[in-house]
PDB file of all heavy atoms in Angstrom:
ATOM      1  N   ASN A   1       0.832  -1.208   0.000  1.00  0.00           N
ATOM      2  CA  ASN A   1       0.000   0.000   0.000  1.00  0.00           C
ATOM      3  C   ASN A   1       0.863   1.252   0.000  1.00  0.00           C
ATOM      4  O   ASN A   1       0.508   2.292   0.594  1.00  0.00           O
ATOM      5  CB  ASN A   1      -0.960   0.031   1.201  1.00  0.00           C
ATOM      6  CG  ASN A   1      -1.946  -1.120   1.171  1.00  0.00           C
ATOM      7  OD1 ASN A   1      -2.537  -1.404   0.137  1.00  0.00           O
ATOM      8  ND2 ASN A   1      -2.111  -1.802   2.290  1.00  0.00           N
ATOM      9  N   ALA A   2       2.008   1.151  -0.652  1.00  0.00           N
ATOM     10  CA  ALA A   2       2.960   2.263  -0.675  1.00  0.00           C
ATOM     11  C   ALA A   2       2.466   3.382  -1.578  1.00  0.00           C
ATOM     12  O   ALA A   2       1.878   3.133  -2.629  1.00  0.00           O
ATOM     13  CB  ALA A   2       4.318   1.775  -1.156  1.00  0.00           C
ATOM     14  N   ARG A   3       2.753   4.604  -1.159  1.00  0.00           N
ATOM     15  CA  ARG A   3       2.392   5.773  -1.952  1.00  0.00           C
ATOM     16  C   ARG A   3       3.620   6.420  -2.593  1.00  0.00           C
ATOM     17  O   ARG A   3       3.520   7.013  -3.659  1.00  0.00           O
ATOM     18  CB  ARG A   3       1.642   6.789  -1.084  1.00  0.00           C
ATOM     19  CG  ARG A   3       0.429   6.169  -0.375  1.00  0.00           C
ATOM     20  CD  ARG A   3      -0.474   7.204   0.244  1.00  0.00           C
ATOM     21  NE  ARG A   3      -1.242   7.884  -0.797  1.00  0.00           N
ATOM     22  CZ  ARG A   3      -2.105   8.858  -0.550  1.00  0.00           C
ATOM     23  NH1 ARG A   3      -2.296   9.276   0.701  1.00  0.00           N
ATOM     24  NH2 ARG A   3      -2.775   9.426  -1.529  1.00  0.00           N
ATOM     25  N   VAL A   4       4.769   6.327  -1.924  1.00  0.00           N
ATOM     26  CA  VAL A   4       6.026   6.818  -2.488  1.00  0.00           C
ATOM     27  C   VAL A   4       7.148   5.889  -2.063  1.00  0.00           C
ATOM     28  O   VAL A   4       7.007   5.094  -1.125  1.00  0.00           O
ATOM     29  CB  VAL A   4       6.364   8.260  -2.026  1.00  0.00           C
ATOM     30  CG1 VAL A   4       5.310   9.260  -2.471  1.00  0.00           C
ATOM     31  CG2 VAL A   4       6.572   8.319  -0.521  1.00  0.00           C
ATOM     32  N   LEU A   5       8.277   6.020  -2.742  1.00  0.00           N
ATOM     33  CA  LEU A   5       9.485   5.316  -2.322  1.00  0.00           C
ATOM     34  C   LEU A   5      10.665   6.267  -2.346  1.00  0.00           C
ATOM     35  O   LEU A   5      10.684   7.250  -3.086  1.00  0.00           O
ATOM     36  CB  LEU A   5       9.746   4.089  -3.197  1.00  0.00           C
ATOM     37  CG  LEU A   5       9.920   4.241  -4.702  1.00  0.00           C
ATOM     38  CD1 LEU A   5      11.288   4.769  -5.095  1.00  0.00           C
ATOM     39  CD2 LEU A   5       9.674   2.915  -5.402  1.00  0.00           C
ATOM     40  N   ASP A   6      11.639   5.966  -1.505  1.00  0.00           N
ATOM     41  CA  ASP A   6      12.868   6.757  -1.484  1.00  0.00           C
ATOM     42  C   ASP A   6      14.010   5.874  -0.990  1.00  0.00           C
ATOM     43  O   ASP A   6      13.855   4.647  -0.903  1.00  0.00           O
ATOM     44  CB  ASP A   6      12.709   8.037  -0.653  1.00  0.00           C
ATOM     45  CG  ASP A   6      12.567   7.776   0.846  1.00  0.00           C
ATOM     46  OD1 ASP A   6      12.970   6.706   1.331  1.00  0.00           O
ATOM     47  OD2 ASP A   6      12.047   8.659   1.551  1.00  0.00           O
ATOM     48  N   MET A   7      15.136   6.503  -0.627  1.00  0.00           N
ATOM     49  CA  MET A   7      16.323   5.741  -0.263  1.00  0.00           C
ATOM     50  C   MET A   7      16.825   6.032   1.155  1.00  0.00           C
ATOM     51  O   MET A   7      17.921   5.580   1.502  1.00  0.00           O
ATOM     52  CB  MET A   7      17.434   6.003  -1.278  1.00  0.00           C
ATOM     53  CG  MET A   7      17.075   5.595  -2.697  1.00  0.00           C
ATOM     54  SD  MET A   7      18.337   6.019  -3.931  1.00  0.00           S
ATOM     55  CE  MET A   7      19.668   4.895  -3.467  1.00  0.00           C
ATOM     56  N   GLU A   8      16.044   6.784   1.953  1.00  0.00           N
ATOM     57  CA  GLU A   8      16.527   7.151   3.286  1.00  0.00           C
ATOM     58  C   GLU A   8      15.492   7.063   4.409  1.00  0.00           C
ATOM     59  O   GLU A   8      15.839   6.701   5.542  1.00  0.00           O
ATOM     60  CB  GLU A   8      17.080   8.593   3.285  1.00  0.00           C
ATOM     61  CG  GLU A   8      18.262   8.845   2.385  1.00  0.00           C
ATOM     62  CD  GLU A   8      17.843   9.194   0.962  1.00  0.00           C
ATOM     63  OE1 GLU A   8      16.700   9.667   0.774  1.00  0.00           O
ATOM     64  OE2 GLU A   8      18.657   8.988   0.049  1.00  0.00           O
ATOM     65  N   SER A   9      14.245   7.409   4.141  1.00  0.00           N
ATOM     66  CA  SER A   9      13.292   7.661   5.228  1.00  0.00           C
ATOM     67  C   SER A   9      13.069   6.459   6.135  1.00  0.00           C
ATOM     68  O   SER A   9      12.922   6.607   7.358  1.00  0.00           O
ATOM     69  CB  SER A   9      11.952   8.129   4.656  1.00  0.00           C
ATOM     70  OG  SER A   9      12.096   9.343   3.963  1.00  0.00           O
ATOM     71  N   GLY A  10      13.023   5.247   5.570  1.00  0.00           N
ATOM     72  CA  GLY A  10      12.834   4.060   6.391  1.00  0.00           C
ATOM     73  C   GLY A  10      13.966   3.848   7.383  1.00  0.00           C
ATOM     74  O   GLY A  10      13.743   3.391   8.513  1.00  0.00           O
ATOM     75  N   ALA A  11      15.177   4.202   6.985  1.00  0.00           N
ATOM     76  CA  ALA A  11      16.324   4.080   7.882  1.00  0.00           C
ATOM     77  C   ALA A  11      16.265   5.129   8.988  1.00  0.00           C
ATOM     78  O   ALA A  11      16.529   4.837  10.161  1.00  0.00           O
ATOM     79  CB  ALA A  11      17.622   4.215   7.095  1.00  0.00           C
ATOM     80  N   VAL A  12      15.922   6.362   8.623  1.00  0.00           N
ATOM     81  CA  VAL A  12      15.757   7.420   9.623  1.00  0.00           C
ATOM     82  C   VAL A  12      14.663   7.040  10.613  1.00  0.00           C
ATOM     83  O   VAL A  12      14.821   7.211  11.828  1.00  0.00           O
ATOM     84  CB  VAL A  12      15.428   8.759   8.937  1.00  0.00           C
ATOM     85  CG1 VAL A  12      15.111   9.839   9.974  1.00  0.00           C
ATOM     86  CG2 VAL A  12      16.591   9.211   8.051  1.00  0.00           C
ATOM     87  N   ALA A  13      13.562   6.495  10.103  1.00  0.00           N
ATOM     88  CA  ALA A  13      12.457   6.087  10.970  1.00  0.00           C
ATOM     89  C   ALA A  13      12.884   5.010  11.961  1.00  0.00           C
ATOM     90  O   ALA A  13      12.456   5.023  13.124  1.00  0.00           O
ATOM     91  CB  ALA A  13      11.291   5.593  10.114  1.00  0.00           C
ATOM     92  N   GLN A  14      13.710   4.077  11.527  1.00  0.00           N
ATOM     93  CA  GLN A  14      14.175   3.012  12.421  1.00  0.00           C
ATOM     94  C   GLN A  14      15.047   3.567  13.533  1.00  0.00           C
ATOM     95  O   GLN A  14      14.876   3.216  14.710  1.00  0.00           O
ATOM     96  CB  GLN A  14      14.948   1.953  11.634  1.00  0.00           C
ATOM     97  CG  GLN A  14      15.483   0.835  12.512  1.00  0.00           C
ATOM     98  CD  GLN A  14      16.190  -0.250  11.717  1.00  0.00           C
ATOM     99  OE1 GLN A  14      15.915  -0.452  10.547  1.00  0.00           O
ATOM    100  NE2 GLN A  14      17.108  -0.948  12.348  1.00  0.00           N
ATOM    101  N   VAL A  15      15.987   4.434  13.192  1.00  0.00           N
ATOM    102  CA  VAL A  15      16.872   5.018  14.208  1.00  0.00           C
ATOM    103  C   VAL A  15      16.076   5.902  15.159  1.00  0.00           C
ATOM    104  O   VAL A  15      16.304   5.894  16.374  1.00  0.00           O
ATOM    105  CB  VAL A  15      18.017   5.812  13.541  1.00  0.00           C
ATOM    106  CG1 VAL A  15      18.871   6.508  14.592  1.00  0.00           C
ATOM    107  CG2 VAL A  15      18.876   4.880  12.694  1.00  0.00           C
ATOM    108  N   ALA A  16      15.122   6.653  14.634  1.00  0.00           N
ATOM    109  CA  ALA A  16      14.280   7.493  15.482  1.00  0.00           C
ATOM    110  C   ALA A  16      13.460   6.640  16.450  1.00  0.00           C
ATOM    111  O   ALA A  16      13.306   6.990  17.630  1.00  0.00           O
ATOM    112  CB  ALA A  16      13.364   8.344  14.608  1.00  0.00           C
ATOM    113  N   TYR A  17      12.936   5.513  15.965  1.00  0.00           N
ATOM    114  CA  TYR A  17      12.187   4.593  16.823  1.00  0.00           C
ATOM    115  C   TYR A  17      13.083   4.062  17.947  1.00  0.00           C
ATOM    116  O   TYR A  17      12.673   4.029  19.115  1.00  0.00           O
ATOM    117  CB  TYR A  17      11.649   3.438  15.992  1.00  0.00           C
ATOM    118  CG  TYR A  17      10.991   2.351  16.798  1.00  0.00           C
ATOM    119  CD1 TYR A  17       9.642   2.418  17.142  1.00  0.00           C
ATOM    120  CD2 TYR A  17      11.720   1.228  17.221  1.00  0.00           C
ATOM    121  CE1 TYR A  17       9.035   1.416  17.895  1.00  0.00           C
ATOM    122  CE2 TYR A  17      11.127   0.228  17.969  1.00  0.00           C
ATOM    123  CZ  TYR A  17       9.791   0.324  18.307  1.00  0.00           C
ATOM    124  OH  TYR A  17       9.207  -0.668  19.054  1.00  0.00           O
ATOM    125  N   ALA A  18      14.285   3.652  17.605  1.00  0.00           N
ATOM    126  CA  ALA A  18      15.199   3.098  18.606  1.00  0.00           C
ATOM    127  C   ALA A  18      15.562   4.125  19.675  1.00  0.00           C
ATOM    128  O   ALA A  18      15.784   3.772  20.834  1.00  0.00           O
ATOM    129  CB  ALA A  18      16.452   2.567  17.927  1.00  0.00           C
ATOM    130  N   ASN A  19      15.617   5.397  19.285  1.00  0.00           N
ATOM    131  CA  ASN A  19      15.991   6.470  20.206  1.00  0.00           C
ATOM    132  C   ASN A  19      14.785   7.212  20.772  1.00  0.00           C
ATOM    133  O   ASN A  19      14.945   8.150  21.548  1.00  0.00           O
ATOM    134  CB  ASN A  19      16.907   7.461  19.501  1.00  0.00           C
ATOM    135  CG  ASN A  19      18.285   6.895  19.256  1.00  0.00           C
ATOM    136  OD1 ASN A  19      19.161   6.960  20.114  1.00  0.00           O
ATOM    137  ND2 ASN A  19      18.500   6.340  18.072  1.00  0.00           N
ATOM    138  N   GLN A  20      13.578   6.813  20.360  1.00  0.00           N
ATOM    139  CA  GLN A  20      12.333   7.442  20.813  1.00  0.00           C
ATOM    140  C   GLN A  20      12.320   8.949  20.536  1.00  0.00           C
ATOM    141  O   GLN A  20      11.971   9.757  21.394  1.00  0.00           O
ATOM    142  CB  GLN A  20      12.102   7.164  22.298  1.00  0.00           C
ATOM    143  CG  GLN A  20      11.911   5.676  22.618  1.00  0.00           C
ATOM    144  CD  GLN A  20      11.617   5.411  24.078  1.00  0.00           C
ATOM    145  OE1 GLN A  20      12.523   5.432  24.916  1.00  0.00           O
ATOM    146  NE2 GLN A  20      10.366   5.174  24.405  1.00  0.00           N
ATOM    147  N   VAL A  21      12.690   9.298  19.321  1.00  0.00           N
ATOM    148  CA  VAL A  21      12.676  10.699  18.895  1.00  0.00           C
ATOM    149  C   VAL A  21      11.478  10.908  17.969  1.00  0.00           C
ATOM    150  O   VAL A  21      11.366  10.231  16.938  1.00  0.00           O
ATOM    151  CB  VAL A  21      13.975  11.066  18.150  1.00  0.00           C
ATOM    152  CG1 VAL A  21      13.912  12.504  17.649  1.00  0.00           C
ATOM    153  CG2 VAL A  21      15.183  10.867  19.062  1.00  0.00           C
ATOM    154  N   PRO A  22      10.548  11.822  18.289  1.00  0.00           N
ATOM    155  CA  PRO A  22       9.399  12.068  17.411  1.00  0.00           C
ATOM    156  C   PRO A  22       9.862  12.486  16.021  1.00  0.00           C
ATOM    157  O   PRO A  22      10.761  13.320  15.886  1.00  0.00           O
ATOM    158  CB  PRO A  22       8.659  13.217  18.114  1.00  0.00           C
ATOM    159  CG  PRO A  22       9.136  13.175  19.529  1.00  0.00           C
ATOM    160  CD  PRO A  22      10.549  12.677  19.484  1.00  0.00           C
ATOM    161  N   THR A  23       9.239  11.908  14.996  1.00  0.00           N
ATOM    162  CA  THR A  23       9.709  12.103  13.626  1.00  0.00           C
ATOM    163  C   THR A  23       8.548  12.251  12.658  1.00  0.00           C
ATOM    164  O   THR A  23       7.488  11.640  12.841  1.00  0.00           O
ATOM    165  CB  THR A  23      10.599  10.912  13.201  1.00  0.00           C
ATOM    166  OG1 THR A  23      11.739  10.854  14.070  1.00  0.00           O
ATOM    167  CG2 THR A  23      11.088  11.046  11.775  1.00  0.00           C
ATOM    168  N   ILE A  24       8.779  13.055  11.629  1.00  0.00           N
ATOM    169  CA  ILE A  24       7.833  13.214  10.530  1.00  0.00           C
ATOM    170  C   ILE A  24       8.637  13.443   9.257  1.00  0.00           C
ATOM    171  O   ILE A  24       9.708  14.053   9.293  1.00  0.00           O
ATOM    172  CB  ILE A  24       6.843  14.364  10.803  1.00  0.00           C
ATOM    173  CG1 ILE A  24       5.701  14.373   9.785  1.00  0.00           C
ATOM    174  CG2 ILE A  24       7.571  15.711  10.843  1.00  0.00           C
ATOM    175  CD1 ILE A  24       4.561  15.308  10.167  1.00  0.00           C
ATOM    176  N   VAL A  25       8.121  12.939   8.129  1.00  0.00           N
ATOM    177  CA  VAL A  25       8.836  13.019   6.854  1.00  0.00           C
ATOM    178  C   VAL A  25       7.943  13.672   5.806  1.00  0.00           C
ATOM    179  O   VAL A  25       6.800  13.253   5.606  1.00  0.00           O
ATOM    180  CB  VAL A  25       9.270  11.619   6.368  1.00  0.00           C
ATOM    181  CG1 VAL A  25       9.930  11.706   4.999  1.00  0.00           C
ATOM    182  CG2 VAL A  25      10.216  10.976   7.385  1.00  0.00           C
ATOM    183  N   PHE A  26       8.496  14.681   5.141  1.00  0.00           N
ATOM    184  CA  PHE A  26       7.837  15.355   4.021  1.00  0.00           C
ATOM    185  C   PHE A  26       8.599  14.996   2.746  1.00  0.00           C
ATOM    186  O   PHE A  26       9.814  15.207   2.674  1.00  0.00           O
ATOM    187  CB  PHE A  26       7.850  16.872   4.209  1.00  0.00           C
ATOM    188  CG  PHE A  26       7.084  17.349   5.407  1.00  0.00           C
ATOM    189  CD1 PHE A  26       7.633  17.262   6.691  1.00  0.00           C
ATOM    190  CD2 PHE A  26       5.813  17.885   5.270  1.00  0.00           C
ATOM    191  CE1 PHE A  26       6.927  17.704   7.804  1.00  0.00           C
ATOM    192  CE2 PHE A  26       5.102  18.331   6.380  1.00  0.00           C
ATOM    193  CZ  PHE A  26       5.663  18.235   7.653  1.00  0.00           C
ATOM    194  N   ARG A  27       7.898  14.481   1.758  1.00  0.00           N
ATOM    195  CA  ARG A  27       8.529  14.117   0.495  1.00  0.00           C
ATOM    196  C   ARG A  27       7.707  14.655  -0.677  1.00  0.00           C
ATOM    197  O   ARG A  27       6.483  14.511  -0.708  1.00  0.00           O
ATOM    198  CB  ARG A  27       8.647  12.593   0.371  1.00  0.00           C
ATOM    199  CG  ARG A  27       9.672  11.962   1.314  1.00  0.00           C
ATOM    200  CD  ARG A  27      11.088  12.139   0.799  1.00  0.00           C
ATOM    201  NE  ARG A  27      12.071  11.477   1.660  1.00  0.00           N
ATOM    202  CZ  ARG A  27      13.362  11.351   1.344  1.00  0.00           C
ATOM    203  NH1 ARG A  27      13.815  11.822   0.197  1.00  0.00           N
ATOM    204  NH2 ARG A  27      14.180  10.742   2.168  1.00  0.00           N
ATOM    205  N   SER A  28       8.385  15.265  -1.639  1.00  0.00           N
ATOM    206  CA  SER A  28       7.723  15.764  -2.843  1.00  0.00           C
ATOM    207  C   SER A  28       8.148  14.907  -4.030  1.00  0.00           C
ATOM    208  O   SER A  28       9.322  14.544  -4.166  1.00  0.00           O
ATOM    209  CB  SER A  28       8.093  17.220  -3.084  1.00  0.00           C
ATOM    210  OG  SER A  28       7.449  17.714  -4.241  1.00  0.00           O
ATOM    211  N   LEU A  29       7.209  14.594  -4.905  1.00  0.00           N
ATOM    212  CA  LEU A  29       7.477  13.691  -6.020  1.00  0.00           C
ATOM    213  C   LEU A  29       8.294  14.389  -7.110  1.00  0.00           C
ATOM    214  O   LEU A  29       7.873  15.404  -7.663  1.00  0.00           O
ATOM    215  CB  LEU A  29       6.174  13.168  -6.628  1.00  0.00           C
ATOM    216  CG  LEU A  29       5.548  11.937  -5.966  1.00  0.00           C
ATOM    217  CD1 LEU A  29       5.178  12.230  -4.514  1.00  0.00           C
ATOM    218  CD2 LEU A  29       4.342  11.471  -6.747  1.00  0.00           C
ATOM    219  N   SER A  30       9.453  13.815  -7.410  1.00  0.00           N
ATOM    220  CA  SER A  30      10.279  14.293  -8.520  1.00  0.00           C
ATOM    221  C   SER A  30      10.106  13.418  -9.755  1.00  0.00           C
ATOM    222  O   SER A  30      10.486  13.812 -10.859  1.00  0.00           O
ATOM    223  CB  SER A  30      11.758  14.294  -8.118  1.00  0.00           C
ATOM    224  OG  SER A  30      12.178  12.975  -7.783  1.00  0.00           O
ATOM    225  N   ASP A  31       9.551  12.222  -9.572  1.00  0.00           N
ATOM    226  CA  ASP A  31       9.384  11.263 -10.663  1.00  0.00           C
ATOM    227  C   ASP A  31       8.366  10.224 -10.216  1.00  0.00           C
ATOM    228  O   ASP A  31       7.861  10.285  -9.088  1.00  0.00           O
ATOM    229  CB  ASP A  31      10.726  10.603 -11.014  1.00  0.00           C
ATOM    230  CG  ASP A  31      11.296   9.819  -9.841  1.00  0.00           C
ATOM    231  OD1 ASP A  31      11.996  10.406  -8.994  1.00  0.00           O
ATOM    232  OD2 ASP A  31      11.014   8.607  -9.769  1.00  0.00           O
ATOM    233  N   LEU A  32       8.088   9.250 -11.087  1.00  0.00           N
ATOM    234  CA  LEU A  32       7.077   8.236 -10.791  1.00  0.00           C
ATOM    235  C   LEU A  32       7.655   6.833 -10.673  1.00  0.00           C
ATOM    236  O   LEU A  32       6.949   5.833 -10.841  1.00  0.00           O
ATOM    237  CB  LEU A  32       5.968   8.282 -11.845  1.00  0.00           C
ATOM    238  CG  LEU A  32       5.246   9.632 -11.960  1.00  0.00           C
ATOM    239  CD1 LEU A  32       4.155   9.570 -13.032  1.00  0.00           C
ATOM    240  CD2 LEU A  32       4.654  10.073 -10.625  1.00  0.00           C
ATOM    241  N   ALA A  33       8.951   6.729 -10.404  1.00  0.00           N
ATOM    242  CA  ALA A  33       9.590   5.457 -10.046  1.00  0.00           C
ATOM    243  C   ALA A  33       9.350   4.338 -11.067  1.00  0.00           C
ATOM    244  O   ALA A  33       9.196   3.172 -10.700  1.00  0.00           O
ATOM    245  CB  ALA A  33       9.129   5.008  -8.668  1.00  0.00           C
ATOM    246  N   GLY A  34       9.294   4.694 -12.339  1.00  0.00           N
ATOM    247  CA  GLY A  34       9.035   3.711 -13.389  1.00  0.00           C
ATOM    248  C   GLY A  34       7.702   3.927 -14.068  1.00  0.00           C
ATOM    249  O   GLY A  34       7.428   3.337 -15.111  1.00  0.00           O
TER     250      GLY A  34
END
């Protein structure tokens, strides 16, 4: 049920979860990934 993909946000989310740091990600579409 993915709406976008990238190369960093999932990793940032994991580290933020481990450190209990509130996080939010804003992404703007530059292309349609195929």
